[in-house]
All heavy atoms as atom14 arrays in JSON, in Angstrom:
{
  "sequence": "TVGYIYAWSGDKDAGAGEKEIKNIIEGKRIEMEI",
  "atom14_mask": [
    [1, 1, 1, 1, 1, 1, 1, 0, 0, 0, 0, 0, 0, 0],
    [1, 1, 1, 1, 1, 1, 1, 0, 0, 0, 0, 0, 0, 0],
    [1, 1, 1, 1, 0, 0, 0, 0, 0, 0, 0, 0, 0, 0],
    [1, 1, 1, 1, 1, 1, 1, 1, 1, 1, 1, 1, 0, 0],
    [1, 1, 1, 1, 1, 1, 1, 1, 0, 0, 0, 0, 0, 0],
    [1, 1, 1, 1, 1, 1, 1, 1, 1, 1, 1, 1, 0, 0],
    [1, 1, 1, 1, 1, 0, 0, 0, 0, 0, 0, 0, 0, 0],
    [1, 1, 1, 1, 1, 1, 1, 1, 1, 1, 1, 1, 1, 1],
    [1, 1, 1, 1, 1, 1, 0, 0, 0, 0, 0, 0, 0, 0],
    [1, 1, 1, 1, 0, 0, 0, 0, 0, 0, 0, 0, 0, 0],
    [1, 1, 1, 1, 1, 1, 1, 1, 0, 0, 0, 0, 0, 0],
    [1, 1, 1, 1, 1, 1, 1, 1, 1, 0, 0, 0, 0, 0],
    [1, 1, 1, 1, 1, 1, 1, 1, 0, 0, 0, 0, 0, 0],
    [1, 1, 1, 1, 1, 0, 0, 0, 0, 0, 0, 0, 0, 0],
    [1, 1, 1, 1, 0, 0, 0, 0, 0, 0, 0, 0, 0, 0],
    [1, 1, 1, 1, 1, 0, 0, 0, 0, 0, 0, 0, 0, 0],
    [1, 1, 1, 1, 0, 0, 0, 0, 0, 0, 0, 0, 0, 0],
    [1, 1, 1, 1, 1, 1, 1, 1, 1, 0, 0, 0, 0, 0],
    [1, 1, 1, 1, 1, 1, 1, 1, 1, 0, 0, 0, 0, 0],
    [1, 1, 1, 1, 1, 1, 1, 1, 1, 0, 0, 0, 0, 0],
    [1, 1, 1, 1, 1, 1, 1, 1, 0, 0, 0, 0, 0, 0],
    [1, 1, 1, 1, 1, 1, 1, 1, 1, 0, 0, 0, 0, 0],
    [1, 1, 1, 1, 1, 1, 1, 1, 0, 0, 0, 0, 0, 0],
    [1, 1, 1, 1, 1, 1, 1, 1, 0, 0, 0, 0, 0, 0],
    [1, 1, 1, 1, 1, 1, 1, 1, 0, 0, 0, 0, 0, 0],
    [1, 1, 1, 1, 1, 1, 1, 1, 1, 0, 0, 0, 0, 0],
    [1, 1, 1, 1, 0, 0, 0, 0, 0, 0, 0, 0, 0, 0],
    [1, 1, 1, 1, 1, 1, 1, 1, 1, 0, 0, 0, 0, 0],
    [1, 1, 1, 1, 1, 1, 1, 1, 1, 1, 1, 0, 0, 0],
    [1, 1, 1, 1, 1, 1, 1, 1, 0, 0, 0, 0, 0, 0],
    [1, 1, 1, 1, 1, 1, 1, 1, 1, 0, 0, 0, 0, 0],
    [1, 1, 1, 1, 1, 1, 1, 1, 0, 0, 0, 0, 0, 0],
    [1, 1, 1, 1, 1, 1, 1, 1, 1, 0, 0, 0, 0, 0],
    [1, 1, 1, 1, 1, 1, 1, 1, 0, 0, 0, 0, 0, 0]
  ],
  "atom14_positions": [
    [[13.36, 11.92, -3.87], [13.23, 13.38, -3.85], [12.18, 13.8, -4.88], [11.91, 13.09, -5.86], [14.57, 14.07, -4.18], [14.96, 13.75, -5.52], [15.67, 13.66, -3.22], [0.0, 0.0, 0.0], [0.0, 0.0, 0.0], [0.0, 0.0, 0.0], [0.0, 0.0, 0.0], [0.0, 0.0, 0.0], [0.0, 0.0, 0.0], [0.0, 0.0, 0.0]],
    [[11.62, 14.99, -4.66], [10.62, 15.53, -5.59], [11.26, 15.69, -6.97], [12.39, 16.16, -7.11], [10.08, 16.88, -5.07], [9.18, 17.55, -6.1], [9.34, 16.69, -3.76], [0.0, 0.0, 0.0], [0.0, 0.0, 0.0], [0.0, 0.0, 0.0], [0.0, 0.0, 0.0], [0.0, 0.0, 0.0], [0.0, 0.0, 0.0], [0.0, 0.0, 0.0]],
    [[10.53, 15.25, -7.98], [11.01, 15.32, -9.36], [11.62, 14.03, -9.88], [11.84, 13.89, -11.08], [0.0, 0.0, 0.0], [0.0, 0.0, 0.0], [0.0, 0.0, 0.0], [0.0, 0.0, 0.0], [0.0, 0.0, 0.0], [0.0, 0.0, 0.0], [0.0, 0.0, 0.0], [0.0, 0.0, 0.0], [0.0, 0.0, 0.0], [0.0, 0.0, 0.0]],
    [[11.89, 13.08, -8.98], [12.46, 11.81, -9.42], [11.45, 11.08, -10.29], [10.25, 11.02, -9.97], [12.83, 10.95, -8.21], [13.36, 9.58, -8.59], [14.65, 9.43, -9.07], [12.56, 8.45, -8.48], [15.14, 8.18, -9.43], [13.04, 7.2, -8.83], [14.33, 7.07, -9.31], [14.81, 5.84, -9.66], [0.0, 0.0, 0.0], [0.0, 0.0, 0.0]],
    [[11.92, 10.51, -11.39], [11.05, 9.78, -12.31], [11.6, 8.37, -12.51], [12.78, 8.19, -12.8], [10.94, 10.49, -13.68], [10.27, 11.85, -13.5], [10.16, 9.63, -14.68], [10.22, 12.7, -14.76], [0.0, 0.0, 0.0], [0.0, 0.0, 0.0], [0.0, 0.0, 0.0], [0.0, 0.0, 0.0], [0.0, 0.0, 0.0], [0.0, 0.0, 0.0]],
    [[10.72, 7.42, -12.36], [10.99, 5.99, -12.6], [10.17, 5.64, -13.84], [8.94, 5.68, -13.81], [10.53, 5.2, -11.38], [10.59, 3.69, -11.5], [11.46, 2.98, -10.71], [9.76, 2.97, -12.36], [11.51, 1.59, -10.77], [9.81, 1.59, -12.44], [10.69, 0.91, -11.63], [10.74, -0.46, -11.7], [0.0, 0.0, 0.0], [0.0, 0.0, 0.0]],
    [[10.84, 5.34, -14.95], [10.15, 5.01, -16.2], [10.41, 3.55, -16.54], [11.44, 2.99, -16.18], [10.63, 5.92, -17.32], [0.0, 0.0, 0.0], [0.0, 0.0, 0.0], [0.0, 0.0, 0.0], [0.0, 0.0, 0.0], [0.0, 0.0, 0.0], [0.0, 0.0, 0.0], [0.0, 0.0, 0.0], [0.0, 0.0, 0.0], [0.0, 0.0, 0.0]],
    [[9.46, 2.95, -17.25], [9.61, 1.55, -17.65], [8.94, 1.3, -18.99], [8.08, 2.05, -19.43], [8.99, 0.63, -16.59], [7.49, 0.67, -16.59], [6.65, -0.12, -17.3], [6.67, 1.59, -15.87], [5.35, 0.24, -17.07], [5.34, 1.28, -16.19], [6.93, 2.62, -14.99], [4.26, 1.99, -15.66], [5.85, 3.32, -14.46], [4.54, 3.0, -14.79]],
    [[9.39, 0.23, -19.63], [8.71, -0.29, -20.82], [9.0, -1.79, -20.87], [10.07, -2.24, -20.49], [9.2, 0.41, -22.09], [10.57, 0.15, -22.3], [0.0, 0.0, 0.0], [0.0, 0.0, 0.0], [0.0, 0.0, 0.0], [0.0, 0.0, 0.0], [0.0, 0.0, 0.0], [0.0, 0.0, 0.0], [0.0, 0.0, 0.0], [0.0, 0.0, 0.0]],
    [[7.99, -2.53, -21.31], [8.15, -3.98, -21.33], [7.07, -4.65, -22.14], [6.44, -4.03, -23.0], [0.0, 0.0, 0.0], [0.0, 0.0, 0.0], [0.0, 0.0, 0.0], [0.0, 0.0, 0.0], [0.0, 0.0, 0.0], [0.0, 0.0, 0.0], [0.0, 0.0, 0.0], [0.0, 0.0, 0.0], [0.0, 0.0, 0.0], [0.0, 0.0, 0.0]],
    [[6.82, -5.91, -21.8], [5.82, -6.7, -22.52], [4.41, -6.21, -22.19], [4.22, -5.21, -21.51], [5.99, -8.19, -22.2], [5.79, -8.5, -20.73], [5.22, -7.67, -19.99], [6.18, -9.6, -20.31], [0.0, 0.0, 0.0], [0.0, 0.0, 0.0], [0.0, 0.0, 0.0], [0.0, 0.0, 0.0], [0.0, 0.0, 0.0], [0.0, 0.0, 0.0]],
    [[3.39, -6.95, -22.66], [2.0, -6.52, -22.46], [1.62, -6.46, -20.99], [0.77, -5.66, -20.6], [1.04, -7.41, -23.23], [0.96, -8.84, -22.74], [-0.06, -9.64, -23.55], [-0.2, -11.04, -23.04], [-0.9, -11.16, -21.79], [0.0, 0.0, 0.0], [0.0, 0.0, 0.0], [0.0, 0.0, 0.0], [0.0, 0.0, 0.0], [0.0, 0.0, 0.0]],
    [[2.24, -7.27, -20.14], [1.94, -7.21, -18.71], [2.51, -5.95, -18.07], [1.89, -5.35, -17.19], [2.5, -8.45, -17.99], [1.78, -9.72, -18.38], [0.57, -9.65, -18.69], [2.41, -10.79, -18.37], [0.0, 0.0, 0.0], [0.0, 0.0, 0.0], [0.0, 0.0, 0.0], [0.0, 0.0, 0.0], [0.0, 0.0, 0.0], [0.0, 0.0, 0.0]],
    [[3.69, -5.55, -18.49], [4.34, -4.39, -17.9], [3.88, -3.09, -18.55], [3.79, -2.06, -17.89], [5.86, -4.52, -18.03], [0.0, 0.0, 0.0], [0.0, 0.0, 0.0], [0.0, 0.0, 0.0], [0.0, 0.0, 0.0], [0.0, 0.0, 0.0], [0.0, 0.0, 0.0], [0.0, 0.0, 0.0], [0.0, 0.0, 0.0], [0.0, 0.0, 0.0]],
    [[3.61, -3.12, -19.85], [3.25, -1.91, -20.55], [4.4, -0.92, -20.56], [5.57, -1.3, -20.49], [0.0, 0.0, 0.0], [0.0, 0.0, 0.0], [0.0, 0.0, 0.0], [0.0, 0.0, 0.0], [0.0, 0.0, 0.0], [0.0, 0.0, 0.0], [0.0, 0.0, 0.0], [0.0, 0.0, 0.0], [0.0, 0.0, 0.0], [0.0, 0.0, 0.0]],
    [[4.06, 0.37, -20.62], [5.08, 1.42, -20.59], [4.49, 2.63, -19.89], [3.29, 2.91, -19.98], [5.51, 1.79, -22.01], [0.0, 0.0, 0.0], [0.0, 0.0, 0.0], [0.0, 0.0, 0.0], [0.0, 0.0, 0.0], [0.0, 0.0, 0.0], [0.0, 0.0, 0.0], [0.0, 0.0, 0.0], [0.0, 0.0, 0.0], [0.0, 0.0, 0.0]],
    [[5.36, 3.33, -19.17], [4.92, 4.53, -18.47], [5.99, 5.05, -17.56], [7.16, 4.66, -17.66], [0.0, 0.0, 0.0], [0.0, 0.0, 0.0], [0.0, 0.0, 0.0], [0.0, 0.0, 0.0], [0.0, 0.0, 0.0], [0.0, 0.0, 0.0], [0.0, 0.0, 0.0], [0.0, 0.0, 0.0], [0.0, 0.0, 0.0], [0.0, 0.0, 0.0]],
    [[5.59, 5.94, -16.67], [6.52, 6.5, -15.71], [5.78, 6.96, -14.46], [4.59, 7.25, -14.5], [7.32, 7.65, -16.32], [6.5, 8.82, -16.79], [7.33, 9.88, -17.5], [8.46, 9.58, -17.95], [6.84, 11.01, -17.61], [0.0, 0.0, 0.0], [0.0, 0.0, 0.0], [0.0, 0.0, 0.0], [0.0, 0.0, 0.0], [0.0, 0.0, 0.0]],
    [[6.51, 6.96, -13.37], [5.98, 7.42, -12.09], [6.91, 8.52, -11.59], [8.12, 8.36, -11.57], [5.94, 6.26, -11.09], [5.24, 6.6, -9.79], [5.25, 5.43, -8.82], [4.29, 4.37, -9.27], [4.16, 3.28, -8.27], [0.0, 0.0, 0.0], [0.0, 0.0, 0.0], [0.0, 0.0, 0.0], [0.0, 0.0, 0.0], [0.0, 0.0, 0.0]],
    [[6.32, 9.64, -11.17], [7.1, 10.79, -10.71], [6.69, 11.18, -9.3], [5.51, 11.26, -8.99], [6.89, 11.97, -11.65], [7.65, 13.22, -11.24], [7.45, 14.38, -12.19], [6.76, 14.24, -13.22], [7.99, 15.46, -11.89], [0.0, 0.0, 0.0], [0.0, 0.0, 0.0], [0.0, 0.0, 0.0], [0.0, 0.0, 0.0], [0.0, 0.0, 0.0]],
    [[7.69, 11.45, -8.46], [7.42, 11.98, -7.12], [7.09, 13.46, -7.28], [7.91, 14.24, -7.76], [8.62, 11.79, -6.17], [8.93, 10.3, -5.99], [8.34, 12.46, -4.83], [10.18, 10.01, -5.17], [0.0, 0.0, 0.0], [0.0, 0.0, 0.0], [0.0, 0.0, 0.0], [0.0, 0.0, 0.0], [0.0, 0.0, 0.0], [0.0, 0.0, 0.0]],
    [[5.88, 13.83, -6.86], [5.41, 15.21, -7.01], [5.55, 16.03, -5.73], [5.74, 17.24, -5.79], [3.95, 15.24, -7.46], [3.69, 14.54, -8.77], [4.42, 15.17, -9.92], [3.53, 16.1, -10.68], [4.18, 16.72, -11.83], [0.0, 0.0, 0.0], [0.0, 0.0, 0.0], [0.0, 0.0, 0.0], [0.0, 0.0, 0.0], [0.0, 0.0, 0.0]],
    [[5.43, 15.36, -4.57], [5.52, 16.07, -3.3], [5.87, 15.08, -2.2], [5.45, 13.92, -2.24], [4.19, 16.77, -2.98], [4.29, 17.69, -1.78], [5.32, 18.32, -1.54], [3.22, 17.78, -1.02], [0.0, 0.0, 0.0], [0.0, 0.0, 0.0], [0.0, 0.0, 0.0], [0.0, 0.0, 0.0], [0.0, 0.0, 0.0], [0.0, 0.0, 0.0]],
    [[6.62, 15.55, -1.22], [6.97, 14.73, -0.06], [6.76, 15.56, 1.19], [7.22, 16.7, 1.28], [8.44, 14.26, -0.11], [8.67, 13.33, -1.3], [8.83, 13.58, 1.19], [10.12, 12.9, -1.5], [0.0, 0.0, 0.0], [0.0, 0.0, 0.0], [0.0, 0.0, 0.0], [0.0, 0.0, 0.0], [0.0, 0.0, 0.0], [0.0, 0.0, 0.0]],
    [[6.04, 14.99, 2.14], [5.97, 15.55, 3.49], [6.76, 14.58, 4.34], [6.32, 13.45, 4.6], [4.51, 15.68, 3.98], [3.74, 16.63, 3.05], [4.48, 16.18, 5.43], [2.25, 16.69, 3.3], [0.0, 0.0, 0.0], [0.0, 0.0, 0.0], [0.0, 0.0, 0.0], [0.0, 0.0, 0.0], [0.0, 0.0, 0.0], [0.0, 0.0, 0.0]],
    [[7.95, 15.0, 4.7], [8.94, 14.11, 5.31], [8.34, 13.3, 6.46], [7.72, 13.84, 7.37], [10.15, 14.92, 5.8], [11.26, 14.08, 6.37], [11.82, 13.03, 5.41], [11.96, 13.32, 4.2], [12.11, 11.91, 5.87], [0.0, 0.0, 0.0], [0.0, 0.0, 0.0], [0.0, 0.0, 0.0], [0.0, 0.0, 0.0], [0.0, 0.0, 0.0]],
    [[8.54, 12.01, 6.36], [8.12, 11.09, 7.4], [6.63, 10.74, 7.38], [6.19, 9.89, 8.14], [0.0, 0.0, 0.0], [0.0, 0.0, 0.0], [0.0, 0.0, 0.0], [0.0, 0.0, 0.0], [0.0, 0.0, 0.0], [0.0, 0.0, 0.0], [0.0, 0.0, 0.0], [0.0, 0.0, 0.0], [0.0, 0.0, 0.0], [0.0, 0.0, 0.0]],
    [[5.84, 11.4, 6.51], [4.4, 11.22, 6.58], [3.71, 10.88, 5.26], [2.79, 10.08, 5.24], [3.74, 12.49, 7.14], [4.12, 12.78, 8.56], [3.39, 13.99, 9.08], [3.83, 14.25, 10.51], [3.18, 15.41, 11.06], [0.0, 0.0, 0.0], [0.0, 0.0, 0.0], [0.0, 0.0, 0.0], [0.0, 0.0, 0.0], [0.0, 0.0, 0.0]],
    [[4.14, 11.49, 4.16], [3.34, 11.39, 2.94], [4.19, 11.56, 1.68], [5.07, 12.41, 1.64], [2.27, 12.48, 3.0], [1.34, 12.56, 1.84], [0.34, 13.69, 2.13], [-0.43, 14.02, 0.98], [-1.75, 13.89, 0.9], [-2.42, 13.43, 1.92], [-2.4, 14.23, -0.18], [0.0, 0.0, 0.0], [0.0, 0.0, 0.0], [0.0, 0.0, 0.0]],
    [[3.87, 10.73, 0.68], [4.52, 10.83, -0.63], [3.41, 10.91, -1.66], [2.51, 10.07, -1.69], [5.41, 9.61, -0.92], [6.46, 9.46, 0.18], [6.07, 9.72, -2.28], [6.91, 8.06, 0.39], [0.0, 0.0, 0.0], [0.0, 0.0, 0.0], [0.0, 0.0, 0.0], [0.0, 0.0, 0.0], [0.0, 0.0, 0.0], [0.0, 0.0, 0.0]],
    [[3.47, 11.93, -2.51], [2.49, 12.1, -3.58], [3.2, 11.86, -4.91], [4.26, 12.42, -5.16], [1.89, 13.51, -3.55], [1.17, 13.81, -2.25], [0.75, 15.26, -2.11], [0.83, 16.03, -3.1], [0.35, 15.64, -1.0], [0.0, 0.0, 0.0], [0.0, 0.0, 0.0], [0.0, 0.0, 0.0], [0.0, 0.0, 0.0], [0.0, 0.0, 0.0]],
    [[2.59, 11.01, -5.72], [3.19, 10.65, -7.0], [2.15, 10.75, -8.11], [0.94, 10.69, -7.85], [3.72, 9.22, -6.95], [4.82, 9.0, -5.93], [5.06, 7.25, -5.52], [3.81, 7.02, -4.27], [0.0, 0.0, 0.0], [0.0, 0.0, 0.0], [0.0, 0.0, 0.0], [0.0, 0.0, 0.0], [0.0, 0.0, 0.0], [0.0, 0.0, 0.0]],
    [[2.63, 10.88, -9.31], [1.77, 10.78, -10.48], [2.29, 9.64, -11.33], [3.49, 9.55, -11.57], [1.79, 12.07, -11.3], [0.9, 11.98, -12.53], [0.93, 13.23, -13.4], [1.92, 14.0, -13.31], [-0.01, 13.41, -14.17], [0.0, 0.0, 0.0], [0.0, 0.0, 0.0], [0.0, 0.0, 0.0], [0.0, 0.0, 0.0], [0.0, 0.0, 0.0]],
    [[1.38, 8.76, -11.73], [1.75, 7.67, -12.61], [1.14, 7.97, -13.97], [-0.03, 8.33, -14.06], [1.33, 6.29, -12.05], [1.92, 5.17, -12.88], [-0.16, 6.17, -11.91], [1.87, 3.8, -12.21], [0.0, 0.0, 0.0], [0.0, 0.0, 0.0], [0.0, 0.0, 0.0], [0.0, 0.0, 0.0], [0.0, 0.0, 0.0], [0.0, 0.0, 0.0]]
  ]
}
């Protein structure tokens, strides 16, 4: 759903950050910001 955030932190390969769902067009398109 819009607003969902998946955040992570780890070693140098994983780094740290988050990805957020910004918009969804049902069945067709998902817009995210990382």
